[in-house]
Amino acid sequence: MSFVSTPPLSRQPETPARPITNDAFYPDVSLEHARDTMRLDGSITDARLRHELLAAIASVNDELRSARAAWRDTGIVRLADVPADQLDGESVRLQHYRRAVYCLAKATLIERYRDYDTTGDGARRADELEPQGDELRRDARWAISDIVGRPRVTVELI
């Protein structure tokens, strides 16, 4: 029996993918930053990543709709302007926003990992990734709670 390990697919685009233009209140989203942060390799195409990031952005923006309205009523026009601690020269609310978007997008990518041509090994790998998707959704909820200043709550049915 022999084993040959192949390196993950690298992503060497000829031109960088254009960032996703967000609502003026929220930051634009870079596909490269999302890919690097979430450790996505070249097997995820830019088109597929863009699709999932757009869905995640829409979901997070919708969940933050009432908070955004309250902030705008006080004259705040960007999430970056909402009073918050600064880490690495940036508002922690922006960092939480990106975390929420990236986690939701990756959770959906993991859920879609199973495809019509999945082999037995691929099916086992998808089963292994399933709990990770749940954890990413939890992290997204926590990030949204952190943005609006809500305490994190975990409830479990016994």
Foldseek 3Di string as FASTA:
>chain_A
DDDDDDDFAADDDPDADDWADADQQADTGGPVVLCVVVVPHVVQPPVLLVVLLVVQRVVLCVVCVVVCVVCVVVVRRYLQPDDADDDPRGHVLNVLSSLLSSLSSVLVVLVCQDDPPQDPVSVVVSVVCNVVSVVSNLSNVCSSCVSSVHDRDDDDDD
